[in-house]
PDB file of all heavy atoms in Angstrom:
ATOM      1  N   THR A   1      30.674   0.791  -4.623  1.00  0.00           N
ATOM      2  CA  THR A   1      30.776  -0.648  -4.363  1.00  0.00           C
ATOM      3  C   THR A   1      30.415  -1.433  -5.536  1.00  0.00           C
ATOM      4  O   THR A   1      29.346  -1.261  -6.114  1.00  0.00           O
ATOM      5  CB  THR A   1      30.100  -1.076  -3.161  1.00  0.00           C
ATOM      6  OG1 THR A   1      30.311  -0.136  -2.050  1.00  0.00           O
ATOM      7  CG2 THR A   1      30.271  -2.528  -2.716  1.00  0.00           C
ATOM      8  N   LYS A   2      31.170  -2.473  -5.931  1.00  0.00           N
ATOM      9  CA  LYS A   2      30.729  -3.375  -7.055  1.00  0.00           C
ATOM     10  C   LYS A   2      30.200  -4.494  -6.305  1.00  0.00           C
ATOM     11  O   LYS A   2      30.631  -4.975  -5.299  1.00  0.00           O
ATOM     12  CB  LYS A   2      31.956  -3.762  -7.873  1.00  0.00           C
ATOM     13  CG  LYS A   2      32.605  -2.570  -8.584  1.00  0.00           C
ATOM     14  CD  LYS A   2      31.716  -2.082  -9.738  1.00  0.00           C
ATOM     15  CE  LYS A   2      32.503  -0.981 -10.351  1.00  0.00           C
ATOM     16  NZ  LYS A   2      31.525  -0.128 -10.984  1.00  0.00           N
ATOM     17  N   ASN A   3      29.130  -5.148  -6.934  1.00  0.00           N
ATOM     18  CA  ASN A   3      28.550  -6.381  -6.494  1.00  0.00           C
ATOM     19  C   ASN A   3      27.993  -6.436  -5.138  1.00  0.00           C
ATOM     20  O   ASN A   3      28.323  -7.267  -4.290  1.00  0.00           O
ATOM     21  CB  ASN A   3      29.516  -7.616  -6.621  1.00  0.00           C
ATOM     22  CG  ASN A   3      29.830  -7.939  -7.999  1.00  0.00           C
ATOM     23  OD1 ASN A   3      28.866  -7.807  -9.044  1.00  0.00           O
ATOM     24  ND2 ASN A   3      30.981  -8.279  -8.396  1.00  0.00           N
ATOM     25  N   LYS A   4      27.266  -5.334  -4.824  1.00  0.00           N
ATOM     26  CA  LYS A   4      26.510  -5.350  -3.474  1.00  0.00           C
ATOM     27  C   LYS A   4      25.520  -6.446  -3.597  1.00  0.00           C
ATOM     28  O   LYS A   4      24.747  -6.494  -4.561  1.00  0.00           O
ATOM     29  CB  LYS A   4      25.860  -3.977  -3.326  1.00  0.00           C
ATOM     30  CG  LYS A   4      26.719  -2.840  -2.829  1.00  0.00           C
ATOM     31  CD  LYS A   4      25.771  -1.579  -2.619  1.00  0.00           C
ATOM     32  CE  LYS A   4      26.470  -0.672  -1.560  1.00  0.00           C
ATOM     33  NZ  LYS A   4      25.625   0.437  -1.334  1.00  0.00           N
ATOM     34  N   LYS A   5      25.372  -7.213  -2.470  1.00  0.00           N
ATOM     35  CA  LYS A   5      24.415  -8.197  -2.431  1.00  0.00           C
ATOM     36  C   LYS A   5      23.389  -8.042  -1.254  1.00  0.00           C
ATOM     37  O   LYS A   5      23.798  -7.743  -0.168  1.00  0.00           O
ATOM     38  CB  LYS A   5      24.973  -9.608  -2.311  1.00  0.00           C
ATOM     39  CG  LYS A   5      25.627 -10.115  -3.541  1.00  0.00           C
ATOM     40  CD  LYS A   5      26.128 -11.465  -3.428  1.00  0.00           C
ATOM     41  CE  LYS A   5      26.823 -11.908  -4.693  1.00  0.00           C
ATOM     42  NZ  LYS A   5      27.349 -13.285  -4.643  1.00  0.00           N
ATOM     43  N   GLN A   6      22.220  -8.125  -1.537  1.00  0.00           N
ATOM     44  CA  GLN A   6      21.141  -8.110  -0.559  1.00  0.00           C
ATOM     45  C   GLN A   6      20.110  -9.222  -0.742  1.00  0.00           C
ATOM     46  O   GLN A   6      19.675  -9.471  -1.931  1.00  0.00           O
ATOM     47  CB  GLN A   6      20.419  -6.738  -0.611  1.00  0.00           C
ATOM     48  CG  GLN A   6      21.185  -5.587  -0.247  1.00  0.00           C
ATOM     49  CD  GLN A   6      20.364  -4.274  -0.320  1.00  0.00           C
ATOM     50  OE1 GLN A   6      20.493  -3.652  -1.386  1.00  0.00           O
ATOM     51  NE2 GLN A   6      19.696  -3.941   0.704  1.00  0.00           N
ATOM     52  N   ASN A   7      19.725  -9.951   0.395  1.00  0.00           N
ATOM     53  CA  ASN A   7      18.884 -10.817   0.349  1.00  0.00           C
ATOM     54  C   ASN A   7      17.507 -10.296   0.853  1.00  0.00           C
ATOM     55  O   ASN A   7      17.567  -9.603   1.884  1.00  0.00           O
ATOM     56  CB  ASN A   7      19.222 -12.143   1.113  1.00  0.00           C
ATOM     57  CG  ASN A   7      20.097 -13.006   0.337  1.00  0.00           C
ATOM     58  OD1 ASN A   7      20.558 -12.814  -0.755  1.00  0.00           O
ATOM     59  ND2 ASN A   7      20.297 -14.216   0.880  1.00  0.00           N
ATOM     60  N   PHE A   8      16.346 -10.610   0.275  1.00  0.00           N
ATOM     61  CA  PHE A   8      15.083 -10.216   0.736  1.00  0.00           C
ATOM     62  C   PHE A   8      14.282 -11.385   0.812  1.00  0.00           C
ATOM     63  O   PHE A   8      13.984 -12.143  -0.071  1.00  0.00           O
ATOM     64  CB  PHE A   8      14.471  -9.242  -0.324  1.00  0.00           C
ATOM     65  CG  PHE A   8      15.311  -7.914  -0.406  1.00  0.00           C
ATOM     66  CD1 PHE A   8      16.001  -7.666  -1.453  1.00  0.00           C
ATOM     67  CD2 PHE A   8      14.934  -6.987   0.489  1.00  0.00           C
ATOM     68  CE1 PHE A   8      16.654  -6.610  -1.552  1.00  0.00           C
ATOM     69  CE2 PHE A   8      15.639  -5.696   0.395  1.00  0.00           C
ATOM     70  CZ  PHE A   8      16.580  -5.518  -0.756  1.00  0.00           C
ATOM     71  N   ARG A   9      13.742 -11.694   2.111  1.00  0.00           N
ATOM     72  CA  ARG A   9      12.714 -12.648   2.296  1.00  0.00           C
ATOM     73  C   ARG A   9      11.491 -11.794   2.800  1.00  0.00           C
ATOM     74  O   ARG A   9      11.446 -11.249   3.806  1.00  0.00           O
ATOM     75  CB  ARG A   9      13.134 -13.588   3.360  1.00  0.00           C
ATOM     76  CG  ARG A   9      12.051 -14.717   3.690  1.00  0.00           C
ATOM     77  CD  ARG A   9      12.483 -15.445   4.906  1.00  0.00           C
ATOM     78  NE  ARG A   9      11.275 -16.261   5.400  1.00  0.00           N
ATOM     79  CZ  ARG A   9      11.026 -17.499   5.309  1.00  0.00           C
ATOM     80  NH1 ARG A   9      11.984 -18.257   4.803  1.00  0.00           N
ATOM     81  NH2 ARG A   9       9.966 -18.067   5.781  1.00  0.00           N
ATOM     82  N   LEU A  10      10.389 -11.885   1.976  1.00  0.00           N
ATOM     83  CA  LEU A  10       9.234 -11.142   2.256  1.00  0.00           C
ATOM     84  C   LEU A  10       8.117 -12.039   2.486  1.00  0.00           C
ATOM     85  O   LEU A  10       7.644 -12.810   1.634  1.00  0.00           O
ATOM     86  CB  LEU A  10       8.918 -10.241   1.098  1.00  0.00           C
ATOM     87  CG  LEU A  10      10.110  -9.233   0.563  1.00  0.00           C
ATOM     88  CD1 LEU A  10       9.780  -8.615  -0.789  1.00  0.00           C
ATOM     89  CD2 LEU A  10      10.431  -8.321   1.675  1.00  0.00           C
ATOM     90  N   ASP A  11       7.700 -12.023   3.787  1.00  0.00           N
ATOM     91  CA  ASP A  11       6.622 -12.954   4.190  1.00  0.00           C
ATOM     92  C   ASP A  11       5.267 -12.290   4.049  1.00  0.00           C
ATOM     93  O   ASP A  11       5.114 -11.119   4.430  1.00  0.00           O
ATOM     94  CB  ASP A  11       6.655 -13.306   5.614  1.00  0.00           C
ATOM     95  CG  ASP A  11       7.961 -14.118   6.019  1.00  0.00           C
ATOM     96  OD1 ASP A  11       7.927 -15.234   5.414  1.00  0.00           O
ATOM     97  OD2 ASP A  11       8.792 -13.700   6.799  1.00  0.00           O
ATOM     98  N   PHE A  12       4.223 -12.932   3.488  1.00  0.00           N
ATOM     99  CA  PHE A  12       2.933 -12.496   3.239  1.00  0.00           C
ATOM    100  C   PHE A  12       2.286 -12.234   4.592  1.00  0.00           C
ATOM    101  O   PHE A  12       1.364 -11.341   4.635  1.00  0.00           O
ATOM    102  CB  PHE A  12       2.086 -13.302   2.304  1.00  0.00           C
ATOM    103  CG  PHE A  12       2.712 -13.414   0.873  1.00  0.00           C
ATOM    104  CD1 PHE A  12       3.143 -14.520   0.388  1.00  0.00           C
ATOM    105  CD2 PHE A  12       2.695 -12.278   0.093  1.00  0.00           C
ATOM    106  CE1 PHE A  12       3.764 -14.702  -0.864  1.00  0.00           C
ATOM    107  CE2 PHE A  12       3.121 -12.345  -1.149  1.00  0.00           C
ATOM    108  CZ  PHE A  12       3.663 -13.547  -1.588  1.00  0.00           C
ATOM    109  N   LYS A  13       2.562 -12.807   5.611  1.00  0.00           N
ATOM    110  CA  LYS A  13       2.025 -12.660   6.889  1.00  0.00           C
ATOM    111  C   LYS A  13       2.245 -11.290   7.492  1.00  0.00           C
ATOM    112  O   LYS A  13       1.579 -10.762   8.320  1.00  0.00           O
ATOM    113  CB  LYS A  13       2.296 -13.750   7.865  1.00  0.00           C
ATOM    114  CG  LYS A  13       3.809 -13.753   8.373  1.00  0.00           C
ATOM    115  CD  LYS A  13       4.068 -14.692   9.388  1.00  0.00           C
ATOM    116  CE  LYS A  13       5.397 -14.951   9.735  1.00  0.00           C
ATOM    117  NZ  LYS A  13       6.440 -14.449  10.070  1.00  0.00           N
ATOM    118  N   ASP A  14       3.311 -10.602   6.949  1.00  0.00           N
ATOM    119  CA  ASP A  14       3.671  -9.332   7.509  1.00  0.00           C
ATOM    120  C   ASP A  14       2.707  -8.261   6.948  1.00  0.00           C
ATOM    121  O   ASP A  14       2.573  -7.144   7.613  1.00  0.00           O
ATOM    122  CB  ASP A  14       5.055  -8.800   6.921  1.00  0.00           C
ATOM    123  CG  ASP A  14       6.081  -9.679   7.426  1.00  0.00           C
ATOM    124  OD1 ASP A  14       5.945 -10.423   8.663  1.00  0.00           O
ATOM    125  OD2 ASP A  14       7.244  -9.739   6.908  1.00  0.00           O
ATOM    126  N   ILE A  15       1.884  -8.515   6.001  1.00  0.00           N
ATOM    127  CA  ILE A  15       0.883  -7.648   5.507  1.00  0.00           C
ATOM    128  C   ILE A  15      -0.489  -7.985   5.942  1.00  0.00           C
ATOM    129  O   ILE A  15      -1.501  -7.461   5.526  1.00  0.00           O
ATOM    130  CB  ILE A  15       0.897  -7.220   4.118  1.00  0.00           C
ATOM    131  CG1 ILE A  15       0.873  -8.427   3.165  1.00  0.00           C
ATOM    132  CG2 ILE A  15       2.214  -6.446   3.866  1.00  0.00           C
ATOM    133  CD1 ILE A  15       0.822  -8.138   1.671  1.00  0.00           C
ATOM    134  N   GLU A  16      -0.529  -9.175   6.621  1.00  0.00           N
ATOM    135  CA  GLU A  16      -1.874  -9.761   7.007  1.00  0.00           C
ATOM    136  C   GLU A  16      -2.574  -8.783   7.913  1.00  0.00           C
ATOM    137  O   GLU A  16      -2.077  -8.067   8.791  1.00  0.00           O
ATOM    138  CB  GLU A  16      -1.552 -11.040   7.820  1.00  0.00           C
ATOM    139  CG  GLU A  16      -2.743 -11.855   8.323  1.00  0.00           C
ATOM    140  CD  GLU A  16      -2.346 -12.925   8.918  1.00  0.00           C
ATOM    141  OE1 GLU A  16      -1.135 -13.262   9.355  1.00  0.00           O
ATOM    142  OE2 GLU A  16      -3.195 -13.808   9.366  1.00  0.00           O
ATOM    143  N   GLY A  17      -3.834  -8.735   7.712  1.00  0.00           N
ATOM    144  CA  GLY A  17      -4.723  -7.851   8.604  1.00  0.00           C
ATOM    145  C   GLY A  17      -4.623  -6.394   8.141  1.00  0.00           C
ATOM    146  O   GLY A  17      -5.452  -5.540   8.898  1.00  0.00           O
ATOM    147  N   LEU A  18      -3.978  -6.063   7.245  1.00  0.00           N
ATOM    148  CA  LEU A  18      -4.086  -4.556   6.768  1.00  0.00           C
ATOM    149  C   LEU A  18      -5.461  -4.435   6.066  1.00  0.00           C
ATOM    150  O   LEU A  18      -5.704  -5.193   5.167  1.00  0.00           O
ATOM    151  CB  LEU A  18      -2.882  -4.296   5.927  1.00  0.00           C
ATOM    152  CG  LEU A  18      -1.546  -4.252   6.560  1.00  0.00           C
ATOM    153  CD1 LEU A  18      -0.429  -3.980   5.479  1.00  0.00           C
ATOM    154  CD2 LEU A  18      -1.470  -3.352   7.701  1.00  0.00           C
ATOM    155  N   GLY A  19      -6.035  -3.342   6.349  1.00  0.00           N
ATOM    156  CA  GLY A  19      -7.379  -3.207   5.777  1.00  0.00           C
ATOM    157  C   GLY A  19      -7.427  -1.985   4.865  1.00  0.00           C
ATOM    158  O   GLY A  19      -6.424  -1.382   4.618  1.00  0.00           O
ATOM    159  N   LYS A  20      -8.707  -1.692   4.514  1.00  0.00           N
ATOM    160  CA  LYS A  20      -8.914  -0.496   3.630  1.00  0.00           C
ATOM    161  C   LYS A  20      -9.345   0.589   4.422  1.00  0.00           C
ATOM    162  O   LYS A  20     -10.355   0.416   5.263  1.00  0.00           O
ATOM    163  CB  LYS A  20      -9.901  -1.038   2.555  1.00  0.00           C
ATOM    164  CG  LYS A  20     -10.483  -0.048   1.567  1.00  0.00           C
ATOM    165  CD  LYS A  20     -11.446  -0.591   0.502  1.00  0.00           C
ATOM    166  CE  LYS A  20     -12.130   0.556  -0.201  1.00  0.00           C
ATOM    167  NZ  LYS A  20     -13.092  -0.084  -1.104  1.00  0.00           N
ATOM    168  N   LEU A  21      -8.935   1.750   4.265  1.00  0.00           N
ATOM    169  CA  LEU A  21      -9.438   2.900   4.962  1.00  0.00           C
ATOM    170  C   LEU A  21     -10.455   3.686   4.124  1.00  0.00           C
ATOM    171  O   LEU A  21     -10.433   3.875   2.978  1.00  0.00           O
ATOM    172  CB  LEU A  21      -8.324   3.894   5.170  1.00  0.00           C
ATOM    173  CG  LEU A  21      -7.101   3.474   6.152  1.00  0.00           C
ATOM    174  CD1 LEU A  21      -6.018   4.597   5.990  1.00  0.00           C
ATOM    175  CD2 LEU A  21      -7.582   3.232   7.468  1.00  0.00           C
ATOM    176  N   THR A  22     -11.529   3.986   4.811  1.00  0.00           N
ATOM    177  CA  THR A  22     -12.634   4.652   4.134  1.00  0.00           C
ATOM    178  C   THR A  22     -12.829   6.048   4.890  1.00  0.00           C
ATOM    179  O   THR A  22     -13.238   5.893   6.118  1.00  0.00           O
ATOM    180  CB  THR A  22     -13.901   3.957   4.073  1.00  0.00           C
ATOM    181  OG1 THR A  22     -13.581   2.547   3.331  1.00  0.00           O
ATOM    182  CG2 THR A  22     -15.007   4.565   3.366  1.00  0.00           C
ATOM    183  N   PRO A  23     -12.659   7.182   4.397  1.00  0.00           N
ATOM    184  CA  PRO A  23     -12.066   7.321   3.078  1.00  0.00           C
ATOM    185  C   PRO A  23     -10.516   7.071   3.011  1.00  0.00           C
ATOM    186  O   PRO A  23      -9.874   7.208   3.987  1.00  0.00           O
ATOM    187  CB  PRO A  23     -12.395   8.927   2.860  1.00  0.00           C
ATOM    188  CG  PRO A  23     -12.480   9.478   4.190  1.00  0.00           C
ATOM    189  CD  PRO A  23     -12.972   8.352   5.058  1.00  0.00           C
ATOM    190  N   PRO A  24     -10.069   6.932   1.848  1.00  0.00           N
ATOM    191  CA  PRO A  24      -8.617   6.652   1.703  1.00  0.00           C
ATOM    192  C   PRO A  24      -7.741   7.782   2.203  1.00  0.00           C
ATOM    193  O   PRO A  24      -8.180   8.853   2.372  1.00  0.00           O
ATOM    194  CB  PRO A  24      -8.489   6.486   0.095  1.00  0.00           C
ATOM    195  CG  PRO A  24      -9.888   6.111  -0.404  1.00  0.00           C
ATOM    196  CD  PRO A  24     -10.738   6.808   0.505  1.00  0.00           C
ATOM    197  N   GLU A  25      -6.541   7.324   2.372  1.00  0.00           N
ATOM    198  CA  GLU A  25      -5.569   8.307   3.020  1.00  0.00           C
ATOM    199  C   GLU A  25      -4.898   9.238   1.991  1.00  0.00           C
ATOM    200  O   GLU A  25      -4.165  10.221   2.297  1.00  0.00           O
ATOM    201  CB  GLU A  25      -4.646   7.640   3.997  1.00  0.00           C
ATOM    202  CG  GLU A  25      -3.815   6.640   3.235  1.00  0.00           C
ATOM    203  CD  GLU A  25      -2.872   5.835   4.162  1.00  0.00           C
ATOM    204  OE1 GLU A  25      -3.336   5.472   5.366  1.00  0.00           O
ATOM    205  OE2 GLU A  25      -1.792   5.533   3.810  1.00  0.00           O
ATOM    206  N   THR A  26      -4.886   8.827   0.748  1.00  0.00           N
ATOM    207  CA  THR A  26      -4.077   9.526  -0.205  1.00  0.00           C
ATOM    208  C   THR A  26      -5.032  10.395  -1.032  1.00  0.00           C
ATOM    209  O   THR A  26      -6.202  10.214  -1.132  1.00  0.00           O
ATOM    210  CB  THR A  26      -3.312   8.567  -1.160  1.00  0.00           C
ATOM    211  OG1 THR A  26      -4.217   7.815  -2.014  1.00  0.00           O
ATOM    212  CG2 THR A  26      -2.367   7.639  -0.503  1.00  0.00           C
ATOM    213  N   TYR A  27      -4.353  11.434  -1.655  1.00  0.00           N
ATOM    214  CA  TYR A  27      -5.267  12.327  -2.510  1.00  0.00           C
ATOM    215  C   TYR A  27      -5.849  11.618  -3.633  1.00  0.00           C
ATOM    216  O   TYR A  27      -6.988  11.778  -4.033  1.00  0.00           O
ATOM    217  CB  TYR A  27      -4.276  13.571  -2.986  1.00  0.00           C
ATOM    218  CG  TYR A  27      -3.855  14.433  -1.984  1.00  0.00           C
ATOM    219  CD1 TYR A  27      -2.553  14.553  -1.565  1.00  0.00           C
ATOM    220  CD2 TYR A  27      -4.798  15.142  -1.180  1.00  0.00           C
ATOM    221  CE1 TYR A  27      -2.109  15.447  -0.628  1.00  0.00           C
ATOM    222  CE2 TYR A  27      -4.397  16.012  -0.094  1.00  0.00           C
ATOM    223  CZ  TYR A  27      -3.032  16.125   0.075  1.00  0.00           C
ATOM    224  OH  TYR A  27      -2.715  16.937   1.086  1.00  0.00           O
ATOM    225  N   ILE A  28      -5.110  10.709  -4.349  1.00  0.00           N
ATOM    226  CA  ILE A  28      -5.573  10.007  -5.413  1.00  0.00           C
ATOM    227  C   ILE A  28      -6.713   9.050  -5.019  1.00  0.00           C
ATOM    228  O   ILE A  28      -7.794   9.055  -5.626  1.00  0.00           O
ATOM    229  CB  ILE A  28      -4.510   9.206  -6.150  1.00  0.00           C
ATOM    230  CG1 ILE A  28      -3.452  10.076  -6.758  1.00  0.00           C
ATOM    231  CG2 ILE A  28      -5.116   8.285  -7.224  1.00  0.00           C
ATOM    232  CD1 ILE A  28      -4.009  11.015  -7.842  1.00  0.00           C
ATOM    233  N   GLY A  29      -6.570   8.513  -3.778  1.00  0.00           N
ATOM    234  CA  GLY A  29      -7.716   7.684  -3.244  1.00  0.00           C
ATOM    235  C   GLY A  29      -8.955   8.458  -2.942  1.00  0.00           C
ATOM    236  O   GLY A  29     -10.009   8.037  -3.101  1.00  0.00           O
ATOM    237  N   MET A  30      -8.609   9.640  -2.464  1.00  0.00           N
ATOM    238  CA  MET A  30      -9.812  10.538  -2.041  1.00  0.00           C
ATOM    239  C   MET A  30     -10.535  10.934  -3.331  1.00  0.00           C
ATOM    240  O   MET A  30     -11.746  11.071  -3.243  1.00  0.00           O
ATOM    241  CB  MET A  30      -9.244  11.852  -1.267  1.00  0.00           C
ATOM    242  CG  MET A  30      -8.850  11.435   0.158  1.00  0.00           C
ATOM    243  SD  MET A  30     -10.349  11.088   1.186  1.00  0.00           S
ATOM    244  CE  MET A  30     -10.984  12.689   1.481  1.00  0.00           C
ATOM    245  N   ILE A  31      -9.829  11.284  -4.396  1.00  0.00           N
ATOM    246  CA  ILE A  31     -10.570  11.597  -5.571  1.00  0.00           C
ATOM    247  C   ILE A  31     -11.514  10.523  -6.043  1.00  0.00           C
ATOM    248  O   ILE A  31     -12.667  10.768  -6.431  1.00  0.00           O
ATOM    249  CB  ILE A  31      -9.535  12.051  -6.758  1.00  0.00           C
ATOM    250  CG1 ILE A  31      -8.861  13.436  -6.317  1.00  0.00           C
ATOM    251  CG2 ILE A  31     -10.224  12.119  -8.163  1.00  0.00           C
ATOM    252  CD1 ILE A  31      -7.563  13.635  -7.235  1.00  0.00           C
ATOM    253  N   SER A  32     -10.966   9.313  -6.041  1.00  0.00           N
ATOM    254  CA  SER A  32     -11.745   8.171  -6.486  1.00  0.00           C
ATOM    255  C   SER A  32     -12.933   7.981  -5.622  1.00  0.00           C
ATOM    256  O   SER A  32     -14.056   7.806  -6.135  1.00  0.00           O
ATOM    257  CB  SER A  32     -10.811   6.891  -6.512  1.00  0.00           C
ATOM    258  OG  SER A  32     -11.636   5.747  -6.685  1.00  0.00           O
ATOM    259  N   TYR A  33     -12.618   8.074  -4.253  1.00  0.00           N
ATOM    260  CA  TYR A  33     -13.673   7.958  -3.226  1.00  0.00           C
ATOM    261  C   TYR A  33     -14.963   8.969  -3.382  1.00  0.00           C
ATOM    262  O   TYR A  33     -16.057   8.646  -3.479  1.00  0.00           O
ATOM    263  CB  TYR A  33     -13.119   8.041  -1.887  1.00  0.00           C
ATOM    264  CG  TYR A  33     -14.072   8.000  -0.807  1.00  0.00           C
ATOM    265  CD1 TYR A  33     -14.651   6.873  -0.359  1.00  0.00           C
ATOM    266  CD2 TYR A  33     -14.481   9.169  -0.023  1.00  0.00           C
ATOM    267  CE1 TYR A  33     -15.615   6.797   0.624  1.00  0.00           C
ATOM    268  CE2 TYR A  33     -15.369   9.096   0.866  1.00  0.00           C
ATOM    269  CZ  TYR A  33     -16.018   7.924   1.389  1.00  0.00           C
ATOM    270  OH  TYR A  33     -16.913   7.975   2.352  1.00  0.00           O
ATOM    271  N   ARG A  34     -14.545  10.276  -3.646  1.00  0.00           N
ATOM    272  CA  ARG A  34     -15.487  11.348  -3.894  1.00  0.00           C
ATOM    273  C   ARG A  34     -16.202  11.203  -5.182  1.00  0.00           C
ATOM    274  O   ARG A  34     -17.363  11.396  -5.298  1.00  0.00           O
ATOM    275  CB  ARG A  34     -14.746  12.713  -3.804  1.00  0.00           C
ATOM    276  CG  ARG A  34     -14.191  12.984  -2.345  1.00  0.00           C
ATOM    277  CD  ARG A  34     -15.210  13.068  -1.380  1.00  0.00           C
ATOM    278  NE  ARG A  34     -14.533  13.357  -0.001  1.00  0.00           N
ATOM    279  CZ  ARG A  34     -15.075  13.002   1.110  1.00  0.00           C
ATOM    280  NH1 ARG A  34     -16.309  12.520   1.203  1.00  0.00           N
ATOM    281  NH2 ARG A  34     -14.480  13.234   2.186  1.00  0.00           N
ATOM    282  N   LEU A  35     -15.519  10.762  -6.198  1.00  0.00           N
ATOM    283  CA  LEU A  35     -16.126  10.621  -7.549  1.00  0.00           C
ATOM    284  C   LEU A  35     -17.271   9.524  -7.414  1.00  0.00           C
ATOM    285  O   LEU A  35     -18.180   9.534  -8.055  1.00  0.00           O
ATOM    286  CB  LEU A  35     -15.206  10.214  -8.581  1.00  0.00           C
ATOM    287  CG  LEU A  35     -14.300  11.439  -9.036  1.00  0.00           C
ATOM    288  CD1 LEU A  35     -13.230  10.917 -10.010  1.00  0.00           C
ATOM    289  CD2 LEU A  35     -15.195  12.556  -9.682  1.00  0.00           C
ATOM    290  N   GLU A  36     -16.858   8.410  -6.679  1.00  0.00           N
ATOM    291  CA  GLU A  36     -17.811   7.301  -6.511  1.00  0.00           C
ATOM    292  C   GLU A  36     -19.067   7.821  -5.828  1.00  0.00           C
ATOM    293  O   GLU A  36     -20.152   7.513  -6.200  1.00  0.00           O
ATOM    294  CB  GLU A  36     -17.200   6.148  -5.763  1.00  0.00           C
ATOM    295  CG  GLU A  36     -17.891   4.998  -5.658  1.00  0.00           C
ATOM    296  CD  GLU A  36     -17.198   3.825  -4.859  1.00  0.00           C
ATOM    297  OE1 GLU A  36     -15.963   3.632  -5.209  1.00  0.00           O
ATOM    298  OE2 GLU A  36     -17.720   3.207  -4.004  1.00  0.00           O
ATOM    299  N   LYS A  37     -18.832   8.612  -4.711  1.00  0.00           N
ATOM    300  CA  LYS A  37     -19.997   9.262  -3.986  1.00  0.00           C
ATOM    301  C   LYS A  37     -20.862  10.049  -4.940  1.00  0.00           C
ATOM    302  O   LYS A  37     -22.045  10.030  -4.865  1.00  0.00           O
ATOM    303  CB  LYS A  37     -19.577  10.040  -2.740  1.00  0.00           C
ATOM    304  CG  LYS A  37     -19.080   9.090  -1.647  1.00  0.00           C
ATOM    305  CD  LYS A  37     -18.887   9.981  -0.490  1.00  0.00           C
ATOM    306  CE  LYS A  37     -19.189   9.371   0.753  1.00  0.00           C
ATOM    307  NZ  LYS A  37     -20.456   9.325   1.362  1.00  0.00           N
ATOM    308  N   ILE A  38     -20.264  10.946  -5.760  1.00  0.00           N
ATOM    309  CA  ILE A  38     -21.013  11.676  -6.645  1.00  0.00           C
ATOM    310  C   ILE A  38     -21.777  10.941  -7.652  1.00  0.00           C
ATOM    311  O   ILE A  38     -22.907  11.208  -7.961  1.00  0.00           O
ATOM    312  CB  ILE A  38     -19.921  12.803  -7.470  1.00  0.00           C
ATOM    313  CG1 ILE A  38     -19.394  13.802  -6.443  1.00  0.00           C
ATOM    314  CG2 ILE A  38     -20.662  13.401  -8.616  1.00  0.00           C
ATOM    315  CD1 ILE A  38     -18.284  14.580  -6.953  1.00  0.00           C
TER     316      ILE A  38
END
């Protein structure tokens, strides 16, 4: 398809209330978390 069009309206309230997991859920986050503890 040529000229596919998509509109995106992204409200900041949709990510409202999302917090930080301790320890983080990703491997990279876990490495940082463990290094900080060390």
